Amino acid sequence: MQIGLYFGSFNPIHHGHLIIANHVVQSTTLDQVWFVVSPQNPLKPAAGLLNEYHRLYLIKSAIDGEKKLKVSDIEFKLPRPSYTIDTMTYLNEKYPKNRFSIIMGSDSYQNLTRWKNYEQLLKNTEFYIYIRAGFENIPSYKNAKANILEAPLLQISATHIRNIIKEGKSIRYLVPDIVKEEIERNRYYH
């Protein structure tokens, strides 16, 4: 099985994330896209992160019933902070019959040289890169297996959503209704 791994904090999951995941699984040869919830990204501050199990639950709720979209807590079991190379190594050993690829925005791909053992990732991993505004120039890394995608993008971010919540404004239409209801019920991000 060919699986695309969409790594992120998903703090919270929003329609932009879901549109990208759905577009990738519909327009490539991937069988599934897994949302890999990162408990802590080594390149981002941990402050302001909702508990990883709450974020996992929000994603599960958002994709309930989708056969080609899954959520993974694999990084919850690995040392922190989460390094993609370690996750890829673990998944390739645990599921040797599957082939794993990485889905990322062109902004993250431009920063790949800051990642732990990025040369090994480039050598052994196929990438699906969606173009983000302001990051149209895709680096030509040695040994890279990069597929460039023109995915439909929404100019919203989890940071923007968290700020709206803090201001007491509605996040309707930015996140799935089930996610909105869960955030409101539990007073997340207040």
Protein backbone atom coordinates (compact mmCIF):
# COMPACT_ATOMS: atom_id res chain seq x y z
CA MET A 1 0.00 0.00 0.00
CA GLN A 2 1.23 3.50 -0.85
CA ILE A 3 0.70 5.90 2.04
CA GLY A 4 1.29 9.64 2.11
CA LEU A 5 2.24 11.00 5.51
CA TYR A 6 0.96 14.49 6.21
CA PHE A 7 2.88 15.63 9.30
CA GLY A 8 1.74 18.53 11.43
CA SER A 9 0.67 19.93 14.75
CA PHE A 10 -2.90 20.36 13.45
CA ASN A 11 -3.51 22.87 16.24
CA PRO A 12 -6.40 22.71 15.29
CA ILE A 13 -7.23 20.78 12.12
CA HIS A 14 -9.02 23.05 9.62
CA HIS A 15 -10.54 22.92 6.14
CA GLY A 16 -7.22 23.89 4.52
CA HIS A 17 -5.57 20.73 5.90
CA LEU A 18 -8.51 18.57 4.82
CA ILE A 19 -8.64 20.01 1.30
CA ILE A 20 -4.92 19.34 0.78
CA ALA A 21 -5.13 15.76 2.10
CA ASN A 22 -8.18 14.99 -0.03
CA HIS A 23 -6.62 16.56 -3.13
CA VAL A 24 -3.40 14.56 -2.71
CA VAL A 25 -5.17 11.22 -2.26
CA GLN A 26 -7.51 11.95 -5.21
CA SER A 27 -4.85 13.18 -7.67
CA THR A 28 -1.93 10.80 -7.02
CA THR A 29 -1.36 7.05 -6.90
CA LEU A 30 -1.41 7.08 -3.08
CA ASP A 31 -3.88 4.66 -1.51
CA GLN A 32 -4.22 6.61 1.73
CA VAL A 33 -3.14 9.82 3.43
CA TRP A 34 -2.32 9.63 7.13
CA PHE A 35 -2.42 12.75 9.29
CA VAL A 36 0.60 12.26 11.55
CA VAL A 37 0.01 14.34 14.67
CA SER A 38 3.30 15.74 15.95
CA PRO A 39 3.31 16.11 19.74
CA GLN A 40 6.14 18.62 19.43
CA ASN A 41 7.75 20.00 16.28
CA PRO A 42 11.45 20.67 16.98
CA LEU A 43 11.31 23.83 14.84
CA LYS A 44 8.27 25.35 16.61
CA PRO A 45 7.61 26.38 20.23
CA ALA A 46 5.53 23.94 22.31
CA ALA A 47 3.70 26.77 24.09
CA GLY A 48 0.09 27.07 22.94
CA LEU A 49 -0.16 23.48 21.73
CA LEU A 50 -3.38 21.74 22.65
CA ASN A 51 -2.80 18.32 24.24
CA GLU A 52 -1.87 15.85 21.48
CA TYR A 53 -4.72 13.45 22.35
CA HIS A 54 -7.24 16.28 21.98
CA ARG A 55 -5.75 17.20 18.59
CA LEU A 56 -5.85 13.53 17.56
CA TYR A 57 -9.51 13.32 18.54
CA LEU A 58 -10.37 16.47 16.59
CA ILE A 59 -8.82 14.95 13.44
CA LYS A 60 -10.58 11.62 14.00
CA SER A 61 -13.86 13.52 14.27
CA ALA A 62 -13.13 15.58 11.15
CA ILE A 63 -12.36 12.57 8.92
CA ASP A 64 -14.87 10.09 10.35
CA GLY A 65 -16.17 7.89 7.53
CA GLU A 66 -13.37 8.73 5.08
CA LYS A 67 -11.80 5.50 3.85
CA LYS A 68 -8.67 7.06 2.31
CA LEU A 69 -7.87 9.46 5.16
CA LYS A 70 -6.49 8.18 8.48
CA VAL A 71 -4.95 9.70 11.58
CA SER A 72 -1.81 8.39 13.27
CA ASP A 73 -0.51 8.78 16.81
CA ILE A 74 2.79 7.08 15.93
CA GLU A 75 4.89 10.03 17.13
CA PHE A 76 3.26 9.86 20.58
CA LYS A 77 5.28 6.67 21.17
CA LEU A 78 8.61 8.05 19.94
CA PRO A 79 11.14 10.30 21.73
CA ARG A 80 10.45 14.02 21.73
CA PRO A 81 10.81 16.31 19.99
CA SER A 82 9.58 14.46 16.91
CA TYR A 83 12.04 14.09 14.05
CA THR A 84 10.63 12.96 10.72
CA ILE A 85 13.63 10.73 9.98
CA ASP A 86 12.99 8.76 13.18
CA THR A 87 9.29 8.40 12.39
CA MET A 88 10.03 7.25 8.84
CA THR A 89 12.58 4.71 10.07
CA TYR A 90 10.11 3.34 12.62
CA LEU A 91 7.22 3.11 10.13
CA ASN A 92 9.36 1.43 7.46
CA GLU A 93 10.47 -1.20 9.99
CA LYS A 94 6.98 -1.72 11.45
CA TYR A 95 5.16 -1.84 8.08
CA PRO A 96 7.70 -3.21 5.56
CA LYS A 97 5.00 -3.99 2.97
CA ASN A 98 3.88 -0.34 2.79
CA ARG A 99 5.62 2.43 0.93
CA PHE A 100 5.59 5.77 2.74
CA SER A 101 5.86 9.21 1.17
CA ILE A 102 5.85 12.66 2.75
CA ILE A 103 3.30 15.37 1.92
CA MET A 104 4.39 18.93 2.65
CA GLY A 105 4.07 22.52 1.60
CA SER A 106 6.74 24.20 -0.48
CA ASP A 107 7.58 26.41 2.52
CA SER A 108 8.58 23.37 4.58
CA TYR A 109 10.39 21.80 1.63
CA GLN A 110 12.54 24.94 1.30
CA ASN A 111 13.55 24.47 4.97
CA LEU A 112 14.40 20.78 4.60
CA THR A 113 18.13 21.38 5.09
CA ARG A 114 17.34 22.32 8.73
CA TRP A 115 15.85 18.86 9.39
CA LYS A 116 17.70 16.06 11.15
CA ASN A 117 19.39 13.73 8.61
CA TYR A 118 17.62 15.44 5.72
CA GLU A 119 20.03 13.88 3.19
CA GLN A 120 18.83 10.41 4.21
CA LEU A 121 15.21 11.53 3.85
CA LEU A 122 15.89 12.87 0.36
CA LYS A 123 17.65 9.68 -0.67
CA ASN A 124 15.01 7.25 0.64
CA THR A 125 11.68 9.09 0.52
CA GLU A 126 9.32 10.30 -2.16
CA PHE A 127 7.82 13.77 -1.54
CA TYR A 128 4.51 15.28 -2.61
CA ILE A 129 4.89 19.05 -2.43
CA TYR A 130 2.01 21.48 -2.71
CA ILE A 131 2.86 25.06 -3.66
CA ARG A 132 2.27 27.70 -0.98
CA ALA A 133 2.01 31.40 -1.81
CA GLY A 134 5.37 33.12 -1.51
CA PHE A 135 7.26 29.81 -1.76
CA GLU A 136 6.91 29.05 -5.47
CA ASN A 137 10.62 28.30 -6.03
CA ILE A 138 11.17 24.62 -5.33
CA PRO A 139 14.78 23.72 -4.46
CA SER A 140 16.48 21.04 -6.55
CA TYR A 141 17.96 18.85 -3.85
CA LYS A 142 20.39 16.11 -4.80
CA ASN A 143 18.70 12.66 -4.89
CA ALA A 144 15.23 14.20 -4.36
CA LYS A 145 12.16 12.38 -5.57
CA ALA A 146 9.79 15.34 -5.55
CA ASN A 147 6.31 15.50 -7.08
CA ILE A 148 5.03 19.06 -7.36
CA LEU A 149 1.26 19.46 -6.94
CA GLU A 150 -1.01 22.39 -7.68
CA ALA A 151 -3.36 21.84 -4.76
CA PRO A 152 -6.27 24.17 -3.98
CA LEU A 153 -5.23 26.26 -1.00
CA LEU A 154 -7.20 28.23 1.54
CA GLN A 155 -5.36 31.17 3.03
CA ILE A 156 -6.21 30.26 6.61
CA SER A 157 -3.96 29.02 9.37
CA ALA A 158 -4.32 27.33 12.72
CA THR A 159 -2.67 30.41 14.30
CA HIS A 160 -5.38 32.63 12.81
CA ILE A 161 -8.08 30.26 14.10
CA ARG A 162 -6.61 30.25 17.62
CA ASN A 163 -6.50 34.06 17.59
CA ILE A 164 -10.14 34.27 16.50
CA ILE A 165 -11.13 31.96 19.36
CA LYS A 166 -9.20 34.12 21.87
CA GLU A 167 -11.09 37.16 20.57
CA GLY A 168 -14.40 35.37 21.19
CA LYS A 169 -15.31 35.28 17.49
CA SER A 170 -16.81 32.42 15.50
CA ILE A 171 -14.65 29.87 13.65
CA ARG A 172 -17.61 28.58 11.69
CA TYR A 173 -16.66 27.70 8.09
CA LEU A 174 -12.94 27.56 8.98
CA VAL A 175 -13.14 24.13 10.60
CA PRO A 176 -15.60 21.24 10.22
CA ASP A 177 -18.73 21.73 12.36
CA ILE A 178 -17.86 18.74 14.56
CA VAL A 179 -14.43 20.30 15.30
CA LYS A 180 -16.00 23.69 16.03
CA GLU A 181 -18.49 22.09 18.44
CA GLU A 182 -15.76 20.14 20.25
CA ILE A 183 -13.54 23.23 20.58
CA GLU A 184 -16.45 25.29 21.94
CA ARG A 185 -17.68 22.56 24.31
CA ASN A 186 -14.24 22.11 25.85
CA ARG A 187 -13.22 25.78 25.65
CA TYR A 188 -10.01 24.91 23.80
CA TYR A 189 -7.66 27.80 22.92
CA HIS A 190 -9.34 30.33 25.25
